[in-house]
Amino acid sequence: MPNAMKTALLLGAMSALFLFLGETLGGPQGLMMGFVVAVGTNAFSYWFSDKMVLAMYRAKQVGPESELYHTVQRLSQRAGLPMPKVYIIPDASPNAFATGRNPSHAAVAATEGILRILTTEELEGVVAHELAHVKHRDILTSSVAATLAAAIMMLARFAMFFGGRRSDDREGGNPIAAIATMILAPIAAMLIQAAISRSREFAADAGGAAIAGSPMGLVSALRKIEGASRAIPMDASPATAHMFIIKPFSMGGIGSLFSTHPPTEQRVAALLESRG
C-alpha cells in the first residue's frame, strides 16, 4: 500500500477514534470537541510533526562543522536526494531517526552516543538506512503516527481524571468506558505504530545497504547499537519509539507484543543474505 494512502488511512482512523473518545467522555458536546481536536491534530501532524519530535528530544541543528553533516551530505548525493537538515540529540544512548513530510523537507537526527561509538563505515550504514526511509517516503507516515499516538495517550491520561462525566444531567457517569479508554487508547496507538513500522524496517535496511554500497556497516552498527542501548537506555516517549533505528527501550511482558521493530537478529540475517 502506498505511504500516502497509509497516511490518509491513519489520519482517518485516528479522527474516528477522537470522535469516539469525545462522545464517550462528553456526549454530544464531547463529540464536537473530538471533531475539533481531530481536525487540529491532523493539520498539526502534517505540517509540524517533525518539529515536535525534534523539539521533544532537544535536537540541535548542525552544519559543515559536524562529521555527521558531511556523512549525510555525501550519502544523500549518492541516493539522489535533496540535502536534509541534520540534527544532533544530546543523549548518551546510541540511536538515530529521520523525520519530515517529504524528501524536500526532511531531517536526519542522531544522538551524541551513536556518534561516539560508531566507526565511519558504521555511521554511513545508519545514515543510509535513515535516508532510505526518506527515499521511500516513510517519514511523513512515521511522524504523523508519532504525533497522533502522543495525542491519544494524552487523552487517555485526561480520561483518568475526567472520564465518564457527561454534561447531560440525565445520564450518570460512565467509569467503565473511561477505564476502557485509558487501557485501549495507548494499545491502539502502539498497534498502529507496529503496523506501519515492522516491514518497512527491512525495506529501509535493504535500501540503506544499496545507498552505502555494502550491508556490512549497517550490520555492525545494528549489533553495536543494540548492545550499547541496553547498557545506556534512552528516556524516550513510547509515541516516538517506532521512529528510531533501534527501539530506544526494552518492553517486557505484554508490551513485547507491540514492539515496533523486528528483532535485530532477523534484520542482520536479512542483510547478510542480501550479499548473496
Protein backbone atom coordinates (compact mmCIF):
# COMPACT_ATOMS: atom_id res chain seq x y z
CA MET A 1 0.00 0.00 0.00
CA PRO A 2 1.46 3.44 -0.93
CA ASN A 3 2.58 5.54 2.00
CA ALA A 4 0.23 8.38 1.01
CA MET A 5 -2.71 6.01 1.38
CA LYS A 6 -1.34 4.66 4.67
CA THR A 7 -1.09 8.21 5.99
CA ALA A 8 -4.63 9.05 4.90
CA LEU A 9 -6.00 5.87 6.50
CA LEU A 10 -4.04 6.59 9.67
CA LEU A 11 -5.41 10.12 9.89
CA GLY A 12 -8.93 8.84 9.21
CA ALA A 13 -8.70 6.10 11.81
CA MET A 14 -7.33 8.47 14.41
CA SER A 15 -10.05 11.01 13.63
CA ALA A 16 -12.69 8.34 14.17
CA LEU A 17 -11.07 7.42 17.48
CA PHE A 18 -11.06 11.06 18.61
CA LEU A 19 -14.77 11.31 17.79
CA PHE A 20 -15.48 8.10 19.70
CA LEU A 21 -13.49 9.26 22.72
CA GLY A 22 -15.18 12.64 22.68
CA GLU A 23 -18.68 11.16 22.53
CA THR A 24 -17.86 8.55 25.19
CA LEU A 25 -16.47 11.06 27.63
CA GLY A 26 -18.63 14.09 26.91
CA GLY A 27 -21.74 13.15 24.94
CA PRO A 28 -22.79 15.47 22.07
CA GLN A 29 -20.55 18.29 23.28
CA GLY A 30 -17.67 15.86 23.61
CA LEU A 31 -18.30 14.64 20.07
CA MET A 32 -17.97 18.18 18.79
CA MET A 33 -14.82 18.67 20.84
CA GLY A 34 -13.44 15.43 19.42
CA PHE A 35 -14.08 16.71 15.90
CA VAL A 36 -12.27 19.97 16.61
CA VAL A 37 -9.34 18.10 18.15
CA ALA A 38 -9.21 15.69 15.20
CA VAL A 39 -9.08 18.48 12.62
CA GLY A 40 -6.47 20.43 14.58
CA THR A 41 -4.33 17.37 15.26
CA ASN A 42 -4.42 16.23 11.65
CA ALA A 43 -3.34 19.65 10.39
CA PHE A 44 -0.61 19.90 13.02
CA SER A 45 0.58 16.38 12.23
CA TYR A 46 1.09 17.14 8.56
CA TRP A 47 2.87 20.48 8.91
CA PHE A 48 4.63 20.37 12.26
CA SER A 49 5.05 16.76 13.46
CA ASP A 50 8.74 16.74 12.54
CA LYS A 51 9.41 19.91 14.52
CA MET A 52 7.52 18.49 17.51
CA VAL A 53 9.61 15.32 17.56
CA LEU A 54 12.91 17.19 17.16
CA ALA A 55 11.94 19.60 19.93
CA MET A 56 10.91 16.71 22.17
CA TYR A 57 14.48 15.40 22.10
CA ARG A 58 16.14 18.84 22.25
CA ALA A 59 17.80 18.20 18.89
CA LYS A 60 20.23 20.90 17.72
CA GLN A 61 20.77 21.60 14.04
CA VAL A 62 24.38 21.30 12.89
CA GLY A 63 26.26 22.34 9.76
CA PRO A 64 29.53 21.57 7.95
CA GLU A 65 31.46 21.66 11.23
CA SER A 66 29.98 18.25 12.05
CA GLU A 67 31.16 14.88 10.72
CA LEU A 68 27.52 13.78 10.72
CA TYR A 69 26.65 16.63 8.33
CA HIS A 70 29.28 15.54 5.81
CA THR A 71 28.18 11.92 6.04
CA VAL A 72 24.56 12.88 5.36
CA GLN A 73 25.64 15.19 2.53
CA ARG A 74 27.76 12.54 0.84
CA LEU A 75 25.14 9.80 1.06
CA SER A 76 22.17 11.98 0.12
CA GLN A 77 24.01 12.95 -3.08
CA ARG A 78 24.67 9.27 -3.77
CA ALA A 79 20.98 8.49 -3.19
CA GLY A 80 19.83 11.34 -5.44
CA LEU A 81 18.04 13.09 -2.56
CA PRO A 82 17.88 16.76 -1.56
CA MET A 83 20.17 17.55 1.37
CA PRO A 84 18.19 17.04 4.60
CA LYS A 85 18.66 19.16 7.68
CA VAL A 86 20.99 17.50 10.16
CA TYR A 87 20.48 17.38 13.94
CA ILE A 88 22.35 16.01 16.93
CA ILE A 89 20.42 14.88 20.02
CA PRO A 90 22.14 15.46 23.38
CA ASP A 91 21.73 11.90 24.66
CA ALA A 92 24.34 9.29 25.55
CA SER A 93 22.18 6.38 24.34
CA PRO A 94 23.02 5.48 20.71
CA ASN A 95 20.18 5.95 18.25
CA ALA A 96 19.01 7.86 15.17
CA PHE A 97 15.89 8.66 13.16
CA ALA A 98 14.64 10.59 10.12
CA THR A 99 11.58 12.81 10.02
CA GLY A 100 9.80 15.33 7.80
CA ARG A 101 6.85 15.45 5.42
CA ASN A 102 8.72 14.66 2.17
CA PRO A 103 12.28 14.38 0.79
CA SER A 104 12.44 18.14 0.25
CA HIS A 105 11.54 18.80 3.90
CA ALA A 106 13.44 16.03 5.66
CA ALA A 107 15.74 15.88 8.66
CA VAL A 108 18.17 13.26 9.93
CA ALA A 109 18.92 13.20 13.65
CA ALA A 110 21.47 11.16 15.59
CA THR A 111 22.38 11.07 19.26
CA GLU A 112 25.72 12.06 20.68
CA GLY A 113 26.01 8.49 21.90
CA ILE A 114 25.84 6.98 18.42
CA LEU A 115 28.50 9.36 17.14
CA ARG A 116 30.83 8.30 19.93
CA ILE A 117 30.67 4.54 19.39
CA LEU A 118 30.36 4.04 15.61
CA THR A 119 33.14 3.87 13.05
CA THR A 120 32.85 5.84 9.80
CA GLU A 121 31.57 2.78 7.93
CA GLU A 122 29.01 2.02 10.64
CA LEU A 123 27.79 5.62 10.73
CA GLU A 124 27.38 5.54 6.95
CA GLY A 125 25.25 2.41 7.31
CA VAL A 126 22.98 4.11 9.85
CA VAL A 127 22.65 7.34 7.86
CA ALA A 128 21.98 5.36 4.66
CA HIS A 129 19.20 3.47 6.48
CA GLU A 130 17.58 6.75 7.50
CA LEU A 131 17.95 8.18 4.00
CA ALA A 132 16.23 5.06 2.67
CA HIS A 133 13.26 5.94 4.89
CA VAL A 134 13.31 9.40 3.30
CA LYS A 135 13.55 7.96 -0.22
CA HIS A 136 10.71 5.52 0.45
CA ARG A 137 8.62 8.41 1.82
CA ASP A 138 8.13 6.62 5.14
CA ILE A 139 8.90 9.73 7.14
CA LEU A 140 5.53 11.50 6.92
CA THR A 141 3.63 8.37 7.97
CA SER A 142 6.08 7.85 10.81
CA SER A 143 5.91 11.47 12.01
CA VAL A 144 2.11 11.60 11.79
CA ALA A 145 1.86 8.36 13.78
CA ALA A 146 4.11 9.81 16.47
CA THR A 147 2.01 12.97 16.82
CA LEU A 148 -1.33 11.20 16.84
CA ALA A 149 -0.16 8.47 19.21
CA ALA A 150 1.07 11.16 21.60
CA ALA A 151 -2.33 12.87 21.39
CA ILE A 152 -4.19 9.62 22.08
CA MET A 153 -2.03 8.86 25.10
CA MET A 154 -2.63 12.38 26.37
CA LEU A 155 -6.39 11.83 26.04
CA ALA A 156 -6.06 8.54 27.90
CA ARG A 157 -4.39 10.36 30.80
CA PHE A 158 -7.09 13.04 30.62
CA ALA A 159 -9.72 10.29 30.90
CA MET A 160 -8.13 9.08 34.12
CA PHE A 161 -9.12 12.35 35.80
CA PHE A 162 -12.25 13.37 33.93
CA GLY A 163 -13.57 10.20 32.31
CA GLY A 164 -17.14 9.18 32.49
CA ARG A 165 -18.62 12.64 33.10
CA ARG A 166 -21.30 13.87 30.76
CA SER A 167 -22.79 17.32 30.57
CA ASP A 168 -26.22 15.81 30.25
CA ASP A 169 -27.54 15.64 33.84
CA ARG A 170 -29.93 12.86 32.94
CA GLU A 171 -27.07 10.49 32.32
CA GLY A 172 -24.80 9.19 35.01
CA GLY A 173 -21.09 8.69 34.90
CA ASN A 174 -19.52 6.03 32.74
CA PRO A 175 -16.43 4.84 34.63
CA ILE A 176 -16.21 1.56 32.69
CA ALA A 177 -15.94 3.46 29.41
CA ALA A 178 -13.31 5.72 30.94
CA ILE A 179 -11.25 2.76 32.16
CA ALA A 180 -11.56 1.10 28.75
CA THR A 181 -10.38 4.32 27.13
CA MET A 182 -7.35 4.52 29.41
CA ILE A 183 -6.38 0.96 28.58
CA LEU A 184 -7.27 0.75 24.91
CA ALA A 185 -6.08 4.12 23.64
CA PRO A 186 -2.35 3.52 24.27
CA ILE A 187 -2.70 -0.02 22.94
CA ALA A 188 -4.37 1.29 19.78
CA ALA A 189 -1.52 3.75 19.35
CA MET A 190 1.10 1.03 19.71
CA LEU A 191 -0.74 -1.27 17.32
CA ILE A 192 -0.83 1.41 14.66
CA GLN A 193 2.88 2.10 15.15
CA ALA A 194 3.65 -1.61 14.83
CA ALA A 195 1.52 -1.92 11.69
CA ILE A 196 3.45 0.80 9.87
CA SER A 197 6.92 0.00 11.19
CA ARG A 198 7.84 -3.67 11.13
CA SER A 199 8.00 -4.41 7.39
CA ARG A 200 9.39 -1.04 6.46
CA GLU A 201 12.48 -1.55 8.64
CA PHE A 202 13.55 -4.46 6.43
CA ALA A 203 12.97 -2.31 3.33
CA ALA A 204 14.97 0.57 4.80
CA ASP A 205 17.79 -1.81 5.77
CA ALA A 206 17.98 -3.11 2.20
CA GLY A 207 17.71 0.38 0.75
CA GLY A 208 20.36 1.66 3.13
CA ALA A 209 22.75 -1.12 2.15
CA ALA A 210 22.28 -0.15 -1.51
CA ILE A 211 22.97 3.53 -0.77
CA ALA A 212 26.03 2.76 1.35
CA GLY A 213 27.33 0.24 -1.19
CA SER A 214 27.54 -2.61 1.32
CA PRO A 215 25.38 -4.02 4.12
CA MET A 216 28.33 -4.66 6.44
CA GLY A 217 28.49 -1.19 8.00
CA LEU A 218 24.81 -1.37 8.94
CA VAL A 219 25.16 -4.96 10.17
CA SER A 220 27.96 -3.97 12.53
CA ALA A 221 26.14 -0.79 13.58
CA LEU A 222 22.88 -2.60 14.43
CA ARG A 223 24.69 -5.08 16.64
CA LYS A 224 26.72 -2.40 18.37
CA ILE A 225 23.76 -0.02 18.89
CA GLU A 226 21.54 -2.70 20.36
CA GLY A 227 24.16 -3.75 22.90
CA ALA A 228 25.02 -0.19 23.88
CA SER A 229 21.39 0.94 24.10
CA ARG A 230 20.67 -1.81 26.60
CA ALA A 231 23.57 -0.60 28.74
CA ILE A 232 22.52 3.05 28.35
CA PRO A 233 18.72 3.14 27.94
CA MET A 234 17.13 6.20 26.38
CA ASP A 235 14.33 8.06 28.10
CA ALA A 236 12.14 8.09 25.00
CA SER A 237 8.41 8.57 24.56
CA PRO A 238 6.53 5.41 23.54
CA ALA A 239 4.75 7.54 20.94
CA THR A 240 8.01 8.02 19.02
CA ALA A 241 9.66 4.62 19.58
CA HIS A 242 8.88 3.49 16.03
CA MET A 243 10.94 6.30 14.51
CA PHE A 244 14.33 5.17 15.80
CA ILE A 245 16.66 2.74 14.03
CA ILE A 246 16.67 0.58 17.18
CA LYS A 247 13.86 0.69 19.73
CA PRO A 248 15.11 3.04 22.45
CA PHE A 249 13.89 0.99 25.40
CA SER A 250 13.05 -2.61 26.25
CA MET A 251 9.45 -3.75 26.55
CA GLY A 252 8.81 -6.91 28.54
CA GLY A 253 5.69 -8.99 29.08
CA ILE A 254 2.64 -8.00 27.08
CA GLY A 255 4.42 -4.88 25.88
CA SER A 256 6.64 -7.04 23.68
CA LEU A 257 3.57 -7.88 21.57
CA PHE A 258 3.52 -4.30 20.38
CA SER A 259 7.22 -3.91 19.57
CA THR A 260 7.69 -1.52 16.66
CA HIS A 261 10.88 -3.14 15.36
CA PRO A 262 11.70 -6.62 14.09
CA PRO A 263 14.33 -8.44 16.16
CA THR A 264 17.81 -7.19 15.33
CA GLU A 265 18.94 -10.74 14.64
CA GLN A 266 16.34 -11.03 11.85
CA ARG A 267 17.41 -7.72 10.35
CA VAL A 268 21.07 -8.74 10.41
CA ALA A 269 20.26 -12.11 8.85
CA ALA A 270 18.31 -10.44 6.03
CA LEU A 271 21.18 -8.05 5.35
CA LEU A 272 23.76 -10.84 5.30
CA GLU A 273 21.54 -12.90 2.99
CA SER A 274 21.35 -9.96 0.59
CA ARG A 275 25.09 -10.28 -0.02
CA GLY A 276 24.31 -13.47 -1.94
